[in-house]
C-alpha atoms as a PDB file:
ATOM      1  CA  MET A   1      14.003 -52.332   2.450  1.00  0.00           C
ATOM      2  CA  ARG A   2      11.687 -55.787   1.428  1.00  0.00           C
ATOM      3  CA  ALA A   3      12.660 -55.616  -2.310  1.00  0.00           C
ATOM      4  CA  GLY A   4      15.902 -56.041  -1.148  1.00  0.00           C
ATOM      5  CA  VAL A   5      15.943 -58.103   1.950  1.00  0.00           C
ATOM      6  CA  ASP A   6      13.770 -60.483  -1.022  1.00  0.00           C
ATOM      7  CA  PHE A   7      16.334 -60.004  -4.139  1.00  0.00           C
ATOM      8  CA  LEU A   8      19.411 -61.446  -0.917  1.00  0.00           C
ATOM      9  CA  LEU A   9      17.304 -63.837   0.192  1.00  0.00           C
ATOM     10  CA  PRO A  10      14.629 -64.995  -1.745  1.00  0.00           C
ATOM     11  CA  PRO A  11      11.689 -66.440   0.270  1.00  0.00           C
ATOM     12  CA  HIS A  12      10.975 -70.617   0.020  1.00  0.00           C
ATOM     13  CA  CYS A  13       8.422 -72.247   0.670  1.00  0.00           C
ATOM     14  CA  ALA A  14       8.738 -73.837   4.547  1.00  0.00           C
ATOM     15  CA  LEU A  15       7.989 -77.319   3.547  1.00  0.00           C
ATOM     16  CA  CYS A  16       8.950 -77.985   0.268  1.00  0.00           C
ATOM     17  CA  ALA A  17      12.365 -75.410  -0.263  1.00  0.00           C
ATOM     18  CA  ALA A  18      10.429 -74.554  -3.232  1.00  0.00           C
ATOM     19  CA  PRO A  19      10.630 -70.551  -4.516  1.00  0.00           C
ATOM     20  CA  LEU A  20       7.903 -68.332  -3.627  1.00  0.00           C
ATOM     21  CA  ALA A  21       6.831 -65.424  -5.230  1.00  0.00           C
ATOM     22  CA  ASP A  22       5.838 -63.396  -1.922  1.00  0.00           C
ATOM     23  CA  THR A  23       6.685 -64.049   1.887  1.00  0.00           C
ATOM     24  CA  ALA A  24       2.996 -66.724   1.913  1.00  0.00           C
ATOM     25  CA  GLY A  25       5.403 -69.615   3.780  1.00  0.00           C
ATOM     26  CA  VAL A  26       4.329 -72.424   1.945  1.00  0.00           C
ATOM     27  CA  CYS A  27       3.811 -72.907  -2.339  1.00  0.00           C
ATOM     28  CA  ALA A  28       0.759 -73.495  -2.849  1.00  0.00           C
ATOM     29  CA  ASP A  29       1.787 -77.613  -4.027  1.00  0.00           C
ATOM     30  CA  CYS A  30       1.916 -77.618  -0.632  1.00  0.00           C
ATOM     31  CA  TRP A  31      -1.772 -75.885  -0.005  1.00  0.00           C
ATOM     32  CA  SER A  32      -3.492 -78.196  -2.511  1.00  0.00           C
ATOM     33  CA  GLU A  33      -2.240 -81.457   0.237  1.00  0.00           C
ATOM     34  CA  THR A  34      -3.286 -80.290   2.787  1.00  0.00           C
ATOM     35  CA  THR A  35      -6.843 -81.506   4.451  1.00  0.00           C
ATOM     36  CA  PHE A  36      -7.812 -78.603   5.239  1.00  0.00           C
ATOM     37  CA  ILE A  37     -11.746 -78.509   8.076  1.00  0.00           C
ATOM     38  CA  SER A  38     -14.613 -77.556   6.778  1.00  0.00           C
ATOM     39  CA  PRO A  39     -18.669 -78.008   7.607  1.00  0.00           C
ATOM     40  CA  PRO A  40     -19.950 -79.583   8.257  1.00  0.00           C
ATOM     41  CA  LEU A  41     -19.042 -79.980  11.987  1.00  0.00           C
ATOM     42  CA  CYS A  42     -19.761 -80.726  15.516  1.00  0.00           C
ATOM     43  CA  PRO A  43     -20.675 -77.611  16.905  1.00  0.00           C
ATOM     44  CA  ARG A  44     -18.438 -78.349  19.953  1.00  0.00           C
ATOM     45  CA  THR A  45     -15.401 -80.019  19.051  1.00  0.00           C
ATOM     46  CA  GLY A  46     -14.982 -79.008  15.358  1.00  0.00           C
ATOM     47  CA  ILE A  47     -14.731 -82.672  14.301  1.00  0.00           C
ATOM     48  CA  PRO A  48     -15.731 -82.912  10.793  1.00  0.00           C
ATOM     49  CA  PHE A  49     -19.186 -85.030   9.879  1.00  0.00           C
ATOM     50  CA  ALA A  50     -19.179 -86.712   6.792  1.00  0.00           C
ATOM     51  CA  CYS A  51     -22.440 -86.005   5.906  1.00  0.00           C
ATOM     52  CA  ASP A  52     -24.682 -83.099   7.392  1.00  0.00           C
ATOM     53  CA  PRO A  53     -27.191 -84.484  10.164  1.00  0.00           C
ATOM     54  CA  GLY A  54     -28.888 -81.490  10.922  1.00  0.00           C
ATOM     55  CA  PRO A  55     -28.840 -78.855  12.664  1.00  0.00           C
ATOM     56  CA  GLY A  56     -27.664 -79.334  16.881  1.00  0.00           C
ATOM     57  CA  ALA A  57     -26.221 -82.852  16.402  1.00  0.00           C
ATOM     58  CA  GLU A  58     -22.957 -82.824  18.481  1.00  0.00           C
ATOM     59  CA  SER A  59     -19.958 -86.204  18.028  1.00  0.00           C
ATOM     60  CA  ALA A  60     -19.635 -89.013  19.248  1.00  0.00           C
ATOM     61  CA  ALA A  61     -16.899 -87.961  21.212  1.00  0.00           C
ATOM     62  CA  ALA A  62     -18.616 -84.489  22.589  1.00  0.00           C
ATOM     63  CA  ILE A  63     -21.323 -87.042  23.385  1.00  0.00           C
ATOM     64  CA  ALA A  64     -19.588 -89.265  25.743  1.00  0.00           C
ATOM     65  CA  ALA A  65     -17.010 -86.638  26.818  1.00  0.00           C
ATOM     66  CA  PRO A  66     -18.137 -83.226  26.901  1.00  0.00           C
ATOM     67  CA  PRO A  67     -15.610 -80.961  26.575  1.00  0.00           C
ATOM     68  CA  VAL A  68     -14.955 -77.910  29.582  1.00  0.00           C
ATOM     69  CA  TYR A  69     -14.376 -75.321  26.816  1.00  0.00           C
ATOM     70  CA  HIS A  70     -17.501 -74.177  24.568  1.00  0.00           C
ATOM     71  CA  ARG A  71     -16.605 -74.659  21.724  1.00  0.00           C
ATOM     72  CA  ALA A  72     -13.513 -75.592  19.303  1.00  0.00           C
ATOM     73  CA  ARG A  73     -12.323 -74.964  15.491  1.00  0.00           C
ATOM     74  CA  ALA A  74      -9.120 -75.452  13.811  1.00  0.00           C
ATOM     75  CA  VAL A  75      -8.162 -75.035  10.201  1.00  0.00           C
ATOM     76  CA  ALA A  76      -6.565 -78.340   8.833  1.00  0.00           C
ATOM     77  CA  SER A  77      -6.074 -81.498   9.778  1.00  0.00           C
ATOM     78  CA  PHE A  78      -3.183 -82.349  11.680  1.00  0.00           C
ATOM     79  CA  ALA A  79      -1.228 -84.858   8.993  1.00  0.00           C
ATOM     80  CA  GLY A  80       0.490 -84.106   6.074  1.00  0.00           C
ATOM     81  CA  PRO A  81       1.598 -80.675   5.275  1.00  0.00           C
ATOM     82  CA  ALA A  82      -0.244 -79.017   8.678  1.00  0.00           C
ATOM     83  CA  ARG A  83       1.758 -81.381  10.695  1.00  0.00           C
ATOM     84  CA  ALA A  84       4.874 -80.237   9.504  1.00  0.00           C
ATOM     85  CA  LEU A  85       3.911 -76.750   9.102  1.00  0.00           C
ATOM     86  CA  VAL A  86       3.241 -76.740  12.851  1.00  0.00           C
ATOM     87  CA  HIS A  87       6.932 -79.076  12.948  1.00  0.00           C
ATOM     88  CA  ALA A  88       8.659 -75.691  10.704  1.00  0.00           C
ATOM     89  CA  LEU A  89       7.223 -72.829  13.604  1.00  0.00           C
ATOM     90  CA  LYS A  90       7.185 -75.325  16.668  1.00  0.00           C
ATOM     91  CA  TYR A  91      10.873 -76.882  15.918  1.00  0.00           C
ATOM     92  CA  ARG A  92      12.639 -75.252  13.183  1.00  0.00           C
ATOM     93  CA  ASP A  93      12.053 -72.065  14.550  1.00  0.00           C
ATOM     94  CA  ARG A  94      10.593 -70.805  10.983  1.00  0.00           C
ATOM     95  CA  LEU A  95       9.249 -67.644  12.591  1.00  0.00           C
ATOM     96  CA  GLU A  96       7.809 -66.438   9.270  1.00  0.00           C
ATOM     97  CA  VAL A  97       5.155 -68.455   9.248  1.00  0.00           C
ATOM     98  CA  ALA A  98       3.093 -68.014  12.171  1.00  0.00           C
ATOM     99  CA  ALA A  99       1.560 -64.659  10.093  1.00  0.00           C
ATOM    100  CA  THR A 100       0.390 -67.411   8.013  1.00  0.00           C
ATOM    101  CA  MET A 101      -1.677 -69.479   9.735  1.00  0.00           C
ATOM    102  CA  GLY A 102      -2.620 -66.714  12.358  1.00  0.00           C
ATOM    103  CA  GLY A 103      -4.433 -66.090   9.296  1.00  0.00           C
ATOM    104  CA  LEU A 104      -5.787 -68.571   8.461  1.00  0.00           C
ATOM    105  CA  MET A 105      -6.952 -69.320  12.159  1.00  0.00           C
ATOM    106  CA  ALA A 106      -8.905 -66.270  11.726  1.00  0.00           C
ATOM    107  CA  ARG A 107     -11.018 -67.040   8.820  1.00  0.00           C
ATOM    108  CA  SER A 108     -11.369 -70.427  10.492  1.00  0.00           C
ATOM    109  CA  GLY A 109     -12.670 -69.111  13.923  1.00  0.00           C
ATOM    110  CA  ALA A 110     -14.425 -66.103  12.927  1.00  0.00           C
ATOM    111  CA  ALA A 111     -17.478 -67.139  14.467  1.00  0.00           C
ATOM    112  CA  LEU A 112     -15.257 -68.175  17.824  1.00  0.00           C
ATOM    113  CA  LEU A 113     -13.666 -64.472  17.447  1.00  0.00           C
ATOM    114  CA  ALA A 114     -17.099 -61.956  16.848  1.00  0.00           C
ATOM    115  CA  ASP A 115     -17.488 -61.656  19.702  1.00  0.00           C
ATOM    116  CA  ALA A 116     -14.468 -62.552  22.023  1.00  0.00           C
ATOM    117  CA  ASP A 117     -13.339 -59.717  24.609  1.00  0.00           C
ATOM    118  CA  ALA A 118     -10.035 -61.244  24.027  1.00  0.00           C
ATOM    119  CA  LEU A 119      -6.921 -64.033  22.111  1.00  0.00           C
ATOM    120  CA  VAL A 120      -5.355 -66.526  25.927  1.00  0.00           C
ATOM    121  CA  PRO A 121      -2.278 -68.092  24.199  1.00  0.00           C
ATOM    122  CA  VAL A 122      -1.458 -71.672  26.051  1.00  0.00           C
ATOM    123  CA  PRO A 123       1.291 -70.657  28.290  1.00  0.00           C
ATOM    124  CA  LEU A 124       4.216 -73.011  28.531  1.00  0.00           C
ATOM    125  CA  TYR A 125       6.085 -73.369  32.240  1.00  0.00           C
ATOM    126  CA  ARG A 126       9.202 -70.857  32.166  1.00  0.00           C
ATOM    127  CA  GLY A 127      12.301 -73.561  31.584  1.00  0.00           C
ATOM    128  CA  ARG A 128      10.649 -74.542  28.953  1.00  0.00           C
ATOM    129  CA  LEU A 129       9.552 -71.217  27.219  1.00  0.00           C
ATOM    130  CA  TRP A 130      13.423 -70.461  28.557  1.00  0.00           C
ATOM    131  CA  ARG A 131      15.064 -73.309  26.005  1.00  0.00           C
ATOM    132  CA  ARG A 132      12.709 -72.241  23.078  1.00  0.00           C
ATOM    133  CA  ARG A 133      13.103 -69.618  23.125  1.00  0.00           C
ATOM    134  CA  PHE A 134       9.318 -67.768  22.381  1.00  0.00           C
ATOM    135  CA  ASN A 135       5.941 -69.696  22.641  1.00  0.00           C
ATOM    136  CA  GLN A 136       4.604 -70.474  19.891  1.00  0.00           C
ATOM    137  CA  SER A 137       0.674 -70.118  20.559  1.00  0.00           C
ATOM    138  CA  ALA A 138       1.406 -66.611  21.459  1.00  0.00           C
ATOM    139  CA  LEU A 139       3.325 -65.623  18.111  1.00  0.00           C
ATOM    140  CA  LEU A 140      -0.387 -67.609  16.784  1.00  0.00           C
ATOM    141  CA  ALA A 141      -3.012 -64.742  18.558  1.00  0.00           C
ATOM    142  CA  ASP A 142      -0.566 -62.514  17.687  1.00  0.00           C
ATOM    143  CA  ALA A 143      -1.339 -63.366  14.429  1.00  0.00           C
ATOM    144  CA  ILE A 144      -5.084 -63.347  14.943  1.00  0.00           C
ATOM    145  CA  GLY A 145      -5.119 -60.347  16.840  1.00  0.00           C
ATOM    146  CA  ALA A 146      -2.947 -58.339  13.875  1.00  0.00           C
ATOM    147  CA  ARG A 147      -5.612 -59.939  11.450  1.00  0.00           C
ATOM    148  CA  THR A 148      -8.678 -59.409  13.365  1.00  0.00           C
ATOM    149  CA  GLY A 149      -7.842 -55.919  16.007  1.00  0.00           C
ATOM    150  CA  THR A 150      -8.648 -58.711  19.304  1.00  0.00           C
ATOM    151  CA  ALA A 151      -6.802 -57.949  21.971  1.00  0.00           C
ATOM    152  CA  VAL A 152      -4.135 -60.453  22.894  1.00  0.00           C
ATOM    153  CA  CYS A 153      -4.369 -61.028  26.678  1.00  0.00           C
ATOM    154  CA  CYS A 154      -0.866 -63.083  27.448  1.00  0.00           C
ATOM    155  CA  ARG A 155      -0.432 -63.105  31.527  1.00  0.00           C
ATOM    156  CA  ALA A 156      -4.668 -64.289  31.779  1.00  0.00           C
ATOM    157  CA  LEU A 157      -3.040 -67.488  32.172  1.00  0.00           C
ATOM    158  CA  ALA A 158       0.113 -69.082  33.700  1.00  0.00           C
ATOM    159  CA  ARG A 159       1.033 -72.686  33.559  1.00  0.00           C
ATOM    160  CA  ILE A 160       2.521 -72.665  37.783  1.00  0.00           C
ATOM    161  CA  ARG A 161       4.364 -76.425  37.446  1.00  0.00           C
ATOM    162  CA  PRO A 162       6.343 -77.788  34.559  1.00  0.00           C
ATOM    163  CA  THR A 163       4.259 -80.912  32.880  1.00  0.00           C
ATOM    164  CA  ARG A 164       6.151 -83.953  30.390  1.00  0.00           C
ATOM    165  CA  ALA A 165       5.730 -82.991  26.889  1.00  0.00           C
ATOM    166  CA  GLN A 166       2.404 -84.396  25.794  1.00  0.00           C
ATOM    167  CA  VAL A 167       3.672 -86.355  22.338  1.00  0.00           C
ATOM    168  CA  GLY A 168       3.272 -90.045  22.996  1.00  0.00           C
ATOM    169  CA  LEU A 169       0.653 -90.671  26.562  1.00  0.00           C
ATOM    170  CA  ARG A 170      -2.529 -91.516  25.942  1.00  0.00           C
ATOM    171  CA  GLY A 171      -5.984 -89.836  26.550  1.00  0.00           C
ATOM    172  CA  ASP A 172      -6.092 -90.311  30.035  1.00  0.00           C
ATOM    173  CA  GLU A 173      -1.946 -90.164  31.079  1.00  0.00           C
ATOM    174  CA  ARG A 174      -2.401 -86.579  28.780  1.00  0.00           C
ATOM    175  CA  ARG A 175      -4.942 -85.259  31.473  1.00  0.00           C
ATOM    176  CA  ARG A 176      -3.398 -86.652  34.483  1.00  0.00           C
ATOM    177  CA  ASN A 177      -0.596 -84.964  33.251  1.00  0.00           C
ATOM    178  CA  VAL A 178      -2.272 -81.237  33.270  1.00  0.00           C
ATOM    179  CA  ARG A 179      -4.316 -81.939  35.632  1.00  0.00           C
ATOM    180  CA  GLY A 180      -4.145 -78.548  37.972  1.00  0.00           C
ATOM    181  CA  ALA A 181      -1.204 -77.702  35.683  1.00  0.00           C
ATOM    182  CA  PHE A 182      -2.834 -74.319  34.895  1.00  0.00           C
ATOM    183  CA  ALA A 183      -3.821 -71.168  37.057  1.00  0.00           C
ATOM    184  CA  VAL A 184      -4.850 -67.842  36.739  1.00  0.00           C
ATOM    185  CA  PRO A 185      -2.765 -65.083  38.200  1.00  0.00           C
ATOM    186  CA  ALA A 186      -4.078 -62.510  40.854  1.00  0.00           C
ATOM    187  CA  ASP A 187      -3.485 -59.817  38.100  1.00  0.00           C
ATOM    188  CA  ALA A 188      -5.076 -60.889  35.689  1.00  0.00           C
ATOM    189  CA  LEU A 189      -8.711 -61.733  37.874  1.00  0.00           C
ATOM    190  CA  ALA A 190     -10.253 -58.877  36.607  1.00  0.00           C
ATOM    191  CA  ALA A 191      -8.906 -58.836  33.430  1.00  0.00           C
ATOM    192  CA  VAL A 192     -10.647 -62.681  33.223  1.00  0.00           C
ATOM    193  CA  ALA A 193     -13.972 -62.186  34.616  1.00  0.00           C
ATOM    194  CA  GLY A 194     -16.805 -62.017  32.860  1.00  0.00           C
ATOM    195  CA  ALA A 195     -14.713 -62.070  29.639  1.00  0.00           C
ATOM    196  CA  LYS A 196     -15.344 -63.961  26.676  1.00  0.00           C
ATOM    197  CA  LEU A 197     -11.982 -65.015  25.857  1.00  0.00           C
ATOM    198  CA  VAL A 198     -10.305 -67.572  22.734  1.00  0.00           C
ATOM    199  CA  LEU A 199      -7.901 -69.951  24.007  1.00  0.00           C
ATOM    200  CA  VAL A 200      -5.249 -70.257  21.269  1.00  0.00           C
ATOM    201  CA  ASP A 201      -2.695 -73.502  20.718  1.00  0.00           C
ATOM    202  CA  ASP A 202      -1.310 -74.825  17.786  1.00  0.00           C
ATOM    203  CA  VAL A 203      -3.039 -78.209  17.396  1.00  0.00           C
ATOM    204  CA  ILE A 204      -6.152 -79.945  19.802  1.00  0.00           C
ATOM    205  CA  THR A 205      -4.847 -84.233  20.567  1.00  0.00           C
ATOM    206  CA  THR A 206      -7.173 -85.183  23.119  1.00  0.00           C
ATOM    207  CA  GLY A 207      -8.599 -81.537  24.306  1.00  0.00           C
ATOM    208  CA  ALA A 208      -7.137 -82.235  27.644  1.00  0.00           C
ATOM    209  CA  THR A 209      -4.096 -79.320  27.536  1.00  0.00           C
ATOM    210  CA  ALA A 210      -7.787 -77.026  26.075  1.00  0.00           C
ATOM    211  CA  ASN A 211      -9.506 -78.227  29.147  1.00  0.00           C
ATOM    212  CA  ALA A 212      -7.068 -77.639  32.205  1.00  0.00           C
ATOM    213  CA  CYS A 213      -6.749 -74.484  30.805  1.00  0.00           C
ATOM    214  CA  ALA A 214     -10.848 -73.293  30.101  1.00  0.00           C
ATOM    215  CA  GLN A 215     -11.449 -75.170  33.634  1.00  0.00           C
ATOM    216  CA  ALA A 216      -9.044 -72.522  35.110  1.00  0.00           C
ATOM    217  CA  LEU A 217     -10.145 -69.508  33.496  1.00  0.00           C
ATOM    218  CA  LEU A 218     -13.627 -70.497  33.525  1.00  0.00           C
ATOM    219  CA  ARG A 219     -13.227 -71.077  37.275  1.00  0.00           C
ATOM    220  CA  ALA A 220     -11.663 -67.477  37.352  1.00  0.00           C
ATOM    221  CA  GLY A 221     -15.401 -65.935  36.338  1.00  0.00           C
ATOM    222  CA  ALA A 222     -15.239 -66.195  32.683  1.00  0.00           C
ATOM    223  CA  GLU A 223     -17.788 -65.893  31.120  1.00  0.00           C
ATOM    224  CA  ARG A 224     -17.238 -68.248  28.033  1.00  0.00           C
ATOM    225  CA  VAL A 225     -14.052 -70.556  26.416  1.00  0.00           C
ATOM    226  CA  ASP A 226     -13.626 -71.580  22.786  1.00  0.00           C
ATOM    227  CA  VAL A 227     -10.666 -73.142  21.949  1.00  0.00           C
ATOM    228  CA  LEU A 228      -9.234 -72.404  18.185  1.00  0.00           C
ATOM    229  CA  ALA A 229      -5.908 -73.957  16.979  1.00  0.00           C
ATOM    230  CA  PHE A 230      -4.237 -73.925  13.652  1.00  0.00           C
ATOM    231  CA  ALA A 231      -5.004 -78.292  13.944  1.00  0.00           C
ATOM    232  CA  LEU A 232      -7.298 -80.738  15.561  1.00  0.00           C
ATOM    233  CA  VAL A 233      -5.744 -84.797  14.946  1.00  0.00           C
ATOM    234  CA  LEU A 234      -8.362 -86.756  13.948  1.00  0.00           C
ATOM    235  CA  ASP A 235      -8.514 -90.163  14.247  1.00  0.00           C
ATOM    236  CA  ALA A 236     -11.077 -92.494  12.116  1.00  0.00           C
ATOM    237  CA  HIS A 237     -13.795 -93.410  14.847  1.00  0.00           C
ATOM    238  CA  ARG A 238     -13.795 -89.486  16.128  1.00  0.00           C
ATOM    239  CA  VAL A 239     -15.648 -88.666  12.973  1.00  0.00           C
ATOM    240  CA  GLN A 240     -18.524 -90.777  14.082  1.00  0.00           C
ATOM    241  CA  ILE A 241     -21.818 -88.781  14.756  1.00  0.00           C
END
């Protein structure tokens, strides 16, 4: 059946439309232009260091504003092909790339996933979910779960009020925008209490959304909340130790 579908609709790169030999979603040329994130990293924020500062050293961002969550990891810098891939999934309905993105996230977040009890996708408010028809974070969580066998708990967290899109907002505006926007539903309290959770999102920008989600989960009794994203926004001043 797959051979028949590939014959009628040959797979092509989600970014440049080059033909592909399989359904990987992205061609080798586009991957070669992607800035993948690799050690040495800040153990808290996942921000890469220009050089190895030694065990336990944290980034300036983590020291100046310690995140609510325990650790964060991402596959690539939110630039070039990685940014285009996020947009292809989120805005162009290229849902097939979620499997590729989730596979890469499972590898980059292996340390977070090793003893995790469940994956929790960042939820959308019901109105936005109705308009978009899918939650990209839930698709990524499903792909990671399929690779690792980690349970996905979509009901562990709810967005209880609508918020503005974070695009274009400064750091303090982002924090105000999502403050109090998330909560653990009453029927999920038992599942969250004492659990080691990995929050899944497509992009970490300032960490405001991740912090707001982690705060809600920790208040509900979660033992630990880590964050795993496909892309991380890197600013020059945030790369410094």
